[in-house]
Amino acid sequence: MKTAERAGRFICAAAAAAGFILLILPLWGIRVNVVLSGSMEPAIPTGGIVFTDTRQTAPCTGDIITYRLGETTVTHRVVRTEKGSYITRGDANDGEDASPVAPSQVVGTVVFCLPRLGYAVAFLQKRTVFCLLLLVIVQEMIFFIIQRKGERGRKPRRKTI
């Protein structure tokens, strides 16, 4: 039982640490996005998480960028520059993207990717799920504190003869 309890606490602590890291990354200019299509496979698999450096907004040919397209963001590779705009294409796509990307649309350059973790992030980004997870983590912390106080308050029993 103790091993399962420790494992559960470790998983909760790891989830809390990962959530904290994802919350502070924007302070360092790193934006986290989930890739929802297979247009960049095999470089970025569907369901991967891309970390985009928002300070690098002047990409070179061959760089993978994240850019705004209306209300959504797209992550594709820059294949060339033309008249001050970037021509992009998904690695798995046959042709270039329909419209050139203006420098003002560029969010940043992708610095690295974690495959498959995007499914979990997309699930956790739902407000209800996030609130429930936060509630479970807070509850676990309260139980942990209560258990620690109880262990300190108990005195070891001595056998009497």
N, C-alpha and C. Protein backbone atom coordinates (compact mmCIF):
# COMPACT_ATOMS: atom_id res chain seq x y z
N MET A 1 0.83 -1.20 0.00
CA MET A 1 0.00 0.00 0.00
C MET A 1 0.86 1.25 0.00
N LYS A 2 1.94 1.22 0.77
CA LYS A 2 2.82 2.38 0.85
C LYS A 2 3.43 2.68 -0.52
N THR A 3 3.79 1.64 -1.28
CA THR A 3 4.39 1.85 -2.59
C THR A 3 3.39 2.48 -3.55
N ALA A 4 2.16 2.01 -3.55
CA ALA A 4 1.13 2.58 -4.42
C ALA A 4 0.84 4.02 -4.03
N GLU A 5 0.82 4.28 -2.73
CA GLU A 5 0.56 5.64 -2.25
C GLU A 5 1.68 6.58 -2.68
N ARG A 6 2.92 6.12 -2.56
CA ARG A 6 4.06 6.94 -2.98
C ARG A 6 4.05 7.17 -4.49
N ALA A 7 3.71 6.14 -5.23
CA ALA A 7 3.65 6.27 -6.69
C ALA A 7 2.58 7.28 -7.08
N GLY A 8 1.42 7.21 -6.43
CA GLY A 8 0.35 8.17 -6.72
C GLY A 8 0.77 9.60 -6.40
N ARG A 9 1.44 9.75 -5.29
CA ARG A 9 1.91 11.10 -4.92
C ARG A 9 2.97 11.59 -5.88
N PHE A 10 3.84 10.69 -6.31
CA PHE A 10 4.88 11.07 -7.27
C PHE A 10 4.25 11.52 -8.59
N ILE A 11 3.24 10.79 -9.05
CA ILE A 11 2.56 11.15 -10.31
C ILE A 11 1.88 12.50 -10.17
N CYS A 12 1.22 12.74 -9.04
CA CYS A 12 0.58 14.04 -8.81
C CYS A 12 1.62 15.16 -8.77
N ALA A 13 2.74 14.91 -8.10
CA ALA A 13 3.79 15.93 -8.02
C ALA A 13 4.39 16.19 -9.40
N ALA A 14 4.58 15.14 -10.19
CA ALA A 14 5.13 15.31 -11.54
C ALA A 14 4.16 16.09 -12.42
N ALA A 15 2.87 15.80 -12.30
CA ALA A 15 1.86 16.54 -13.08
C ALA A 15 1.83 18.00 -12.66
N ALA A 16 1.93 18.26 -11.37
CA ALA A 16 1.94 19.64 -10.89
C ALA A 16 3.18 20.37 -11.37
N ALA A 17 4.33 19.70 -11.33
CA ALA A 17 5.58 20.32 -11.80
C ALA A 17 5.51 20.62 -13.29
N ALA A 18 4.99 19.68 -14.08
CA ALA A 18 4.85 19.90 -15.52
C ALA A 18 3.91 21.06 -15.80
N GLY A 19 2.80 21.12 -15.07
CA GLY A 19 1.86 22.23 -15.23
C GLY A 19 2.50 23.56 -14.88
N PHE A 20 3.29 23.57 -13.80
CA PHE A 20 3.98 24.80 -13.39
C PHE A 20 4.97 25.26 -14.47
N ILE A 21 5.71 24.30 -15.03
CA ILE A 21 6.66 24.64 -16.08
C ILE A 21 5.94 25.21 -17.29
N LEU A 22 4.81 24.60 -17.67
CA LEU A 22 4.06 25.11 -18.81
C LEU A 22 3.48 26.50 -18.54
N LEU A 23 3.24 26.82 -17.27
CA LEU A 23 2.73 28.15 -16.93
C LEU A 23 3.82 29.22 -16.97
N ILE A 24 5.06 28.85 -16.63
CA ILE A 24 6.12 29.87 -16.59
C ILE A 24 6.88 30.00 -17.90
N LEU A 25 6.75 29.05 -18.83
CA LEU A 25 7.46 29.14 -20.10
C LEU A 25 7.15 30.44 -20.86
N PRO A 26 5.90 30.91 -20.89
CA PRO A 26 5.63 32.17 -21.60
C PRO A 26 6.42 33.36 -21.04
N LEU A 27 6.80 33.31 -19.78
CA LEU A 27 7.61 34.39 -19.22
C LEU A 27 8.99 34.45 -19.86
N TRP A 28 9.46 33.33 -20.39
CA TRP A 28 10.75 33.27 -21.07
C TRP A 28 10.60 33.36 -22.59
N GLY A 29 9.40 33.67 -23.07
CA GLY A 29 9.18 33.82 -24.50
C GLY A 29 8.95 32.53 -25.25
N ILE A 30 8.59 31.46 -24.54
CA ILE A 30 8.32 30.17 -25.17
C ILE A 30 6.82 29.91 -25.15
N ARG A 31 6.27 29.67 -26.32
CA ARG A 31 4.85 29.36 -26.44
C ARG A 31 4.69 27.87 -26.73
N VAL A 32 3.71 27.25 -26.13
CA VAL A 32 3.47 25.82 -26.29
C VAL A 32 2.21 25.62 -27.12
N ASN A 33 2.33 24.84 -28.20
CA ASN A 33 1.19 24.54 -29.07
C ASN A 33 1.10 23.04 -29.30
N VAL A 34 -0.10 22.56 -29.53
CA VAL A 34 -0.33 21.16 -29.85
C VAL A 34 -0.56 21.05 -31.35
N VAL A 35 0.12 20.10 -31.98
CA VAL A 35 -0.03 19.86 -33.42
C VAL A 35 -1.20 18.91 -33.61
N LEU A 36 -2.21 19.37 -34.34
CA LEU A 36 -3.44 18.59 -34.49
C LEU A 36 -3.57 17.87 -35.83
N SER A 37 -2.64 18.12 -36.75
CA SER A 37 -2.72 17.46 -38.05
C SER A 37 -1.39 16.78 -38.37
N GLY A 38 -1.38 15.99 -39.41
CA GLY A 38 -0.17 15.27 -39.80
C GLY A 38 0.62 15.95 -40.88
N SER A 39 0.40 17.25 -41.09
CA SER A 39 1.07 17.94 -42.19
C SER A 39 2.58 18.08 -42.01
N MET A 40 3.08 17.93 -40.79
CA MET A 40 4.52 18.07 -40.56
C MET A 40 5.20 16.74 -40.23
N GLU A 41 4.51 15.63 -40.44
CA GLU A 41 5.13 14.34 -40.17
C GLU A 41 6.21 14.07 -41.21
N PRO A 42 7.27 13.42 -40.89
CA PRO A 42 7.64 12.79 -39.63
C PRO A 42 8.37 13.73 -38.65
N ALA A 43 8.71 14.93 -39.06
CA ALA A 43 9.45 15.85 -38.17
C ALA A 43 8.66 16.14 -36.90
N ILE A 44 7.37 16.42 -37.04
CA ILE A 44 6.49 16.67 -35.89
C ILE A 44 5.26 15.80 -36.06
N PRO A 45 5.15 14.74 -35.26
CA PRO A 45 4.00 13.84 -35.41
C PRO A 45 2.71 14.46 -34.89
N THR A 46 1.59 13.96 -35.39
CA THR A 46 0.29 14.40 -34.92
C THR A 46 0.20 14.14 -33.42
N GLY A 47 -0.30 15.13 -32.69
CA GLY A 47 -0.40 15.01 -31.25
C GLY A 47 0.86 15.43 -30.52
N GLY A 48 1.84 15.94 -31.25
CA GLY A 48 3.07 16.41 -30.62
C GLY A 48 2.89 17.80 -30.03
N ILE A 49 3.77 18.15 -29.12
CA ILE A 49 3.78 19.50 -28.55
C ILE A 49 4.99 20.21 -29.14
N VAL A 50 4.77 21.40 -29.69
CA VAL A 50 5.88 22.21 -30.19
C VAL A 50 6.11 23.38 -29.25
N PHE A 51 7.37 23.67 -29.01
CA PHE A 51 7.77 24.80 -28.19
C PHE A 51 8.34 25.84 -29.13
N THR A 52 7.66 26.98 -29.20
CA THR A 52 8.00 28.05 -30.15
C THR A 52 8.63 29.21 -29.41
N ASP A 53 9.81 29.61 -29.86
CA ASP A 53 10.48 30.78 -29.28
C ASP A 53 9.91 32.02 -29.94
N THR A 54 9.13 32.78 -29.19
CA THR A 54 8.45 33.96 -29.74
C THR A 54 9.39 35.14 -29.95
N ARG A 55 10.64 35.02 -29.50
CA ARG A 55 11.62 36.09 -29.73
C ARG A 55 12.30 35.93 -31.08
N GLN A 56 12.21 34.76 -31.68
CA GLN A 56 12.81 34.50 -32.99
C GLN A 56 11.73 34.60 -34.07
N THR A 57 11.49 35.82 -34.55
CA THR A 57 10.42 36.04 -35.52
C THR A 57 10.94 36.33 -36.92
N ALA A 58 12.22 36.13 -37.15
CA ALA A 58 12.80 36.30 -38.49
C ALA A 58 13.45 34.98 -38.90
N PRO A 59 12.64 34.01 -39.35
CA PRO A 59 13.18 32.69 -39.66
C PRO A 59 13.98 32.66 -40.96
N CYS A 60 14.80 31.63 -41.06
CA CYS A 60 15.56 31.37 -42.28
C CYS A 60 14.89 30.23 -43.04
N THR A 61 15.30 30.04 -44.28
CA THR A 61 14.78 28.93 -45.07
C THR A 61 15.15 27.62 -44.36
N GLY A 62 14.17 26.74 -44.22
CA GLY A 62 14.38 25.47 -43.55
C GLY A 62 13.90 25.46 -42.11
N ASP A 63 13.69 26.64 -41.51
CA ASP A 63 13.20 26.71 -40.14
C ASP A 63 11.72 26.33 -40.10
N ILE A 64 11.32 25.74 -38.99
CA ILE A 64 9.90 25.46 -38.76
C ILE A 64 9.36 26.61 -37.93
N ILE A 65 8.27 27.21 -38.43
CA ILE A 65 7.69 28.37 -37.74
C ILE A 65 6.25 28.08 -37.35
N THR A 66 5.79 28.84 -36.37
CA THR A 66 4.38 28.86 -36.02
C THR A 66 3.87 30.24 -36.40
N TYR A 67 2.77 30.27 -37.16
CA TYR A 67 2.22 31.56 -37.58
C TYR A 67 0.71 31.57 -37.44
N ARG A 68 0.17 32.79 -37.35
CA ARG A 68 -1.28 32.98 -37.22
C ARG A 68 -1.92 32.95 -38.60
N LEU A 69 -3.01 32.21 -38.68
CA LEU A 69 -3.82 32.18 -39.90
C LEU A 69 -5.26 32.32 -39.45
N GLY A 70 -5.73 33.57 -39.42
CA GLY A 70 -7.05 33.85 -38.90
C GLY A 70 -7.07 33.63 -37.39
N GLU A 71 -7.97 32.77 -36.92
CA GLU A 71 -8.10 32.48 -35.49
C GLU A 71 -7.22 31.32 -35.03
N THR A 72 -6.58 30.63 -35.95
CA THR A 72 -5.78 29.46 -35.59
C THR A 72 -4.29 29.74 -35.78
N THR A 73 -3.49 28.81 -35.30
CA THR A 73 -2.06 28.87 -35.56
C THR A 73 -1.67 27.64 -36.38
N VAL A 74 -0.67 27.83 -37.23
CA VAL A 74 -0.19 26.77 -38.12
C VAL A 74 1.31 26.63 -37.88
N THR A 75 1.79 25.40 -37.88
CA THR A 75 3.23 25.15 -37.76
C THR A 75 3.69 24.44 -39.02
N HIS A 76 4.47 25.16 -39.84
CA HIS A 76 4.99 24.62 -41.10
C HIS A 76 6.43 25.08 -41.30
N ARG A 77 7.09 24.50 -42.27
CA ARG A 77 8.48 24.81 -42.58
C ARG A 77 8.56 25.93 -43.63
N VAL A 78 9.51 26.83 -43.47
CA VAL A 78 9.75 27.89 -44.46
C VAL A 78 10.56 27.27 -45.59
N VAL A 79 10.01 27.32 -46.82
CA VAL A 79 10.74 26.75 -47.96
C VAL A 79 11.49 27.82 -48.75
N ARG A 80 11.02 29.05 -48.67
CA ARG A 80 11.74 30.16 -49.31
C ARG A 80 11.12 31.49 -48.90
N THR A 81 11.83 32.56 -49.21
CA THR A 81 11.35 33.91 -48.94
C THR A 81 11.07 34.57 -50.29
N GLU A 82 9.94 35.27 -50.37
CA GLU A 82 9.56 35.90 -51.63
C GLU A 82 8.89 37.24 -51.35
N LYS A 83 9.48 38.32 -51.82
CA LYS A 83 8.94 39.67 -51.67
C LYS A 83 8.63 40.01 -50.21
N GLY A 84 9.55 39.68 -49.33
CA GLY A 84 9.37 40.01 -47.92
C GLY A 84 8.42 39.09 -47.16
N SER A 85 7.87 38.09 -47.82
CA SER A 85 6.97 37.13 -47.17
C SER A 85 7.61 35.76 -47.17
N TYR A 86 7.09 34.89 -46.33
CA TYR A 86 7.62 33.53 -46.23
C TYR A 86 6.68 32.56 -46.93
N ILE A 87 7.25 31.71 -47.75
CA ILE A 87 6.49 30.64 -48.41
C ILE A 87 6.71 29.39 -47.56
N THR A 88 5.61 28.81 -47.08
CA THR A 88 5.71 27.67 -46.17
C THR A 88 5.07 26.43 -46.77
N ARG A 89 5.41 25.30 -46.16
CA ARG A 89 4.84 24.03 -46.60
C ARG A 89 4.97 23.02 -45.47
N GLY A 90 3.96 22.22 -45.30
CA GLY A 90 4.06 21.11 -44.36
C GLY A 90 4.91 20.02 -44.98
N ASP A 91 5.77 19.38 -44.19
CA ASP A 91 6.67 18.36 -44.73
C ASP A 91 5.92 17.23 -45.42
N ALA A 92 4.75 16.87 -44.94
CA ALA A 92 3.97 15.77 -45.52
C ALA A 92 3.07 16.24 -46.67
N ASN A 93 3.00 17.55 -46.91
CA ASN A 93 2.14 18.07 -47.98
C ASN A 93 2.88 18.06 -49.31
N ASP A 94 2.10 17.89 -50.39
CA ASP A 94 2.70 17.87 -51.73
C ASP A 94 3.07 19.26 -52.21
N GLY A 95 2.25 20.25 -51.87
CA GLY A 95 2.50 21.60 -52.38
C GLY A 95 2.69 22.61 -51.27
N GLU A 96 3.06 23.81 -51.69
CA GLU A 96 3.24 24.91 -50.75
C GLU A 96 1.89 25.40 -50.26
N ASP A 97 1.91 26.11 -49.13
CA ASP A 97 0.67 26.68 -48.59
C ASP A 97 0.11 27.71 -49.57
N ALA A 98 -1.20 27.86 -49.56
CA ALA A 98 -1.90 28.70 -50.54
C ALA A 98 -1.49 30.17 -50.48
N SER A 99 -1.30 30.70 -49.29
CA SER A 99 -0.97 32.12 -49.20
C SER A 99 0.36 32.30 -48.48
N PRO A 100 1.14 33.30 -48.93
CA PRO A 100 2.41 33.58 -48.25
C PRO A 100 2.16 34.10 -46.83
N VAL A 101 3.14 33.92 -45.97
CA VAL A 101 3.04 34.34 -44.57
C VAL A 101 3.77 35.67 -44.41
N ALA A 102 3.04 36.68 -43.98
CA ALA A 102 3.64 37.99 -43.74
C ALA A 102 4.45 37.94 -42.44
N PRO A 103 5.50 38.75 -42.35
CA PRO A 103 6.28 38.76 -41.11
C PRO A 103 5.44 39.06 -39.87
N SER A 104 4.38 39.83 -40.01
CA SER A 104 3.53 40.15 -38.86
C SER A 104 2.72 38.95 -38.38
N GLN A 105 2.57 37.92 -39.21
CA GLN A 105 1.83 36.71 -38.83
C GLN A 105 2.68 35.72 -38.04
N VAL A 106 4.00 35.86 -38.13
CA VAL A 106 4.90 34.89 -37.51
C VAL A 106 4.86 35.03 -35.99
N VAL A 107 4.53 33.92 -35.33
CA VAL A 107 4.53 33.87 -33.86
C VAL A 107 5.95 33.64 -33.37
N GLY A 108 6.67 32.75 -34.04
CA GLY A 108 8.04 32.45 -33.66
C GLY A 108 8.56 31.21 -34.36
N THR A 109 9.78 30.83 -33.99
CA THR A 109 10.44 29.67 -34.58
C THR A 109 10.38 28.51 -33.59
N VAL A 110 10.05 27.34 -34.09
CA VAL A 110 9.96 26.14 -33.25
C VAL A 110 11.36 25.73 -32.82
N VAL A 111 11.54 25.52 -31.50
CA VAL A 111 12.85 25.12 -30.99
C VAL A 111 12.93 23.63 -30.72
N PHE A 112 11.85 23.01 -30.28
CA PHE A 112 11.83 21.55 -30.16
C PHE A 112 10.40 21.04 -30.02
N CYS A 113 10.29 19.72 -30.10
CA CYS A 113 8.98 19.07 -30.10
C CYS A 113 9.02 17.85 -29.20
N LEU A 114 7.91 17.60 -28.50
CA LEU A 114 7.74 16.37 -27.73
C LEU A 114 6.59 15.59 -28.36
N PRO A 115 6.87 14.43 -28.94
CA PRO A 115 5.82 13.67 -29.61
C PRO A 115 4.78 13.10 -28.65
N ARG A 116 3.54 13.04 -29.11
CA ARG A 116 2.39 12.39 -28.47
C ARG A 116 1.89 13.03 -27.17
N LEU A 117 2.64 13.89 -26.53
CA LEU A 117 2.18 14.50 -25.29
C LEU A 117 1.10 15.55 -25.52
N GLY A 118 0.91 15.94 -26.75
CA GLY A 118 -0.10 16.94 -27.07
C GLY A 118 -1.51 16.47 -26.79
N TYR A 119 -1.75 15.17 -26.90
CA TYR A 119 -3.08 14.66 -26.60
C TYR A 119 -3.43 14.93 -25.14
N ALA A 120 -2.47 14.70 -24.25
CA ALA A 120 -2.70 14.95 -22.82
C ALA A 120 -2.87 16.44 -22.56
N VAL A 121 -2.06 17.27 -23.21
CA VAL A 121 -2.16 18.72 -23.01
C VAL A 121 -3.50 19.24 -23.52
N ALA A 122 -3.92 18.77 -24.69
CA ALA A 122 -5.21 19.20 -25.24
C ALA A 122 -6.35 18.81 -24.30
N PHE A 123 -6.25 17.63 -23.72
CA PHE A 123 -7.26 17.17 -22.77
C PHE A 123 -7.24 18.05 -21.51
N LEU A 124 -6.04 18.36 -21.01
CA LEU A 124 -5.92 19.16 -19.79
C LEU A 124 -6.27 20.63 -19.99
N GLN A 125 -6.23 21.10 -21.25
CA GLN A 125 -6.55 22.49 -21.51
C GLN A 125 -8.03 22.78 -21.39
N LYS A 126 -8.84 21.74 -21.35
CA LYS A 126 -10.28 21.95 -21.14
C LYS A 126 -10.47 22.42 -19.71
N ARG A 127 -11.21 23.48 -19.54
CA ARG A 127 -11.35 24.13 -18.24
C ARG A 127 -11.87 23.17 -17.17
N THR A 128 -12.86 22.38 -17.48
CA THR A 128 -13.44 21.46 -16.49
C THR A 128 -12.41 20.44 -16.03
N VAL A 129 -11.68 19.86 -16.97
CA VAL A 129 -10.67 18.86 -16.63
C VAL A 129 -9.57 19.50 -15.80
N PHE A 130 -9.14 20.69 -16.20
CA PHE A 130 -8.08 21.39 -15.46
C PHE A 130 -8.52 21.66 -14.03
N CYS A 131 -9.74 22.14 -13.84
CA CYS A 131 -10.24 22.43 -12.50
C CYS A 131 -10.33 21.17 -11.65
N LEU A 132 -10.80 20.07 -12.25
CA LEU A 132 -10.88 18.82 -11.50
C LEU A 132 -9.49 18.31 -11.11
N LEU A 133 -8.54 18.41 -12.03
CA LEU A 133 -7.18 17.99 -11.73
C LEU A 133 -6.58 18.86 -10.62
N LEU A 134 -6.81 20.15 -10.69
CA LEU A 134 -6.32 21.05 -9.66
C LEU A 134 -6.94 20.71 -8.31
N LEU A 135 -8.23 20.39 -8.31
CA LEU A 135 -8.91 20.00 -7.07
C LEU A 135 -8.31 18.73 -6.49
N VAL A 136 -8.02 17.75 -7.33
CA VAL A 136 -7.42 16.50 -6.87
C VAL A 136 -6.03 16.75 -6.29
N ILE A 137 -5.24 17.60 -6.94
CA ILE A 137 -3.90 17.89 -6.45
C ILE A 137 -3.96 18.60 -5.10
N VAL A 138 -4.84 19.58 -4.96
CA VAL A 138 -5.00 20.29 -3.68
C VAL A 138 -5.47 19.32 -2.60
N GLN A 139 -6.42 18.47 -2.94
CA GLN A 139 -6.91 17.48 -1.97
C GLN A 139 -5.78 16.56 -1.53
N GLU A 140 -4.96 16.11 -2.46
CA GLU A 140 -3.83 15.24 -2.12
C GLU A 140 -2.86 15.95 -1.20
N MET A 141 -2.62 17.23 -1.45
CA MET A 141 -1.70 18.00 -0.60
C MET A 141 -2.27 18.12 0.81
N ILE A 142 -3.56 18.37 0.95
CA ILE A 142 -4.20 18.47 2.26
C ILE A 142 -4.10 17.14 3.00
N PHE A 143 -4.40 16.03 2.32
CA PHE A 143 -4.30 14.71 2.95
C PHE A 143 -2.87 14.42 3.39
N PHE A 144 -1.91 14.82 2.56
CA PHE A 144 -0.51 14.61 2.89
C PHE A 144 -0.13 15.37 4.16
N ILE A 145 -0.57 16.63 4.26
CA ILE A 145 -0.27 17.45 5.45
C ILE A 145 -0.93 16.85 6.69
N ILE A 146 -2.19 16.43 6.56
CA ILE A 146 -2.90 15.83 7.70
C ILE A 146 -2.20 14.56 8.14
N GLN A 147 -1.77 13.75 7.20
CA GLN A 147 -1.09 12.49 7.53
C GLN A 147 0.23 12.78 8.24
N ARG A 148 0.98 13.75 7.77
CA ARG A 148 2.26 14.09 8.40
C ARG A 148 2.05 14.59 9.83
N LYS A 149 1.05 15.42 10.04
CA LYS A 149 0.77 15.92 11.39
C LYS A 149 0.36 14.77 12.30
N GLY A 150 -0.40 13.83 11.79
CA GLY A 150 -0.83 12.67 12.58
C GLY A 150 0.34 11.78 12.95
N GLU A 151 1.30 11.61 12.04
CA GLU A 151 2.46 10.78 12.32
C GLU A 151 3.34 11.43 13.39
N ARG A 152 3.46 12.74 13.37
CA ARG A 152 4.28 13.44 14.37
C ARG A 152 3.63 13.42 15.74
N GLY A 153 2.30 13.41 15.79
CA GLY A 153 1.58 13.45 17.06
C GLY A 153 1.56 12.12 17.78
N ARG A 154 1.72 11.03 17.04
CA ARG A 154 1.69 9.70 17.65
C ARG A 154 3.00 9.41 18.35
N LYS A 155 2.89 8.82 19.52
CA LYS A 155 4.09 8.40 20.23
C LYS A 155 4.20 6.89 20.09
N PRO A 156 5.42 6.40 19.98
CA PRO A 156 5.56 4.95 19.85
C PRO A 156 5.09 4.23 21.11
N ARG A 157 4.41 3.11 20.92
CA ARG A 157 3.91 2.34 22.06
C ARG A 157 5.03 1.48 22.63
N ARG A 158 5.02 1.41 23.93
CA ARG A 158 6.01 0.55 24.59
C ARG A 158 5.28 -0.63 25.19
N LYS A 159 5.90 -1.73 25.06
CA LYS A 159 5.30 -2.96 25.63
C LYS A 159 5.55 -2.97 27.13
N THR A 160 4.50 -3.32 27.84
CA THR A 160 4.64 -3.48 29.30
C THR A 160 4.60 -4.95 29.63
N ILE A 161 5.37 -5.29 30.60
CA ILE A 161 5.45 -6.71 30.97
C ILE A 161 4.64 -6.98 32.20
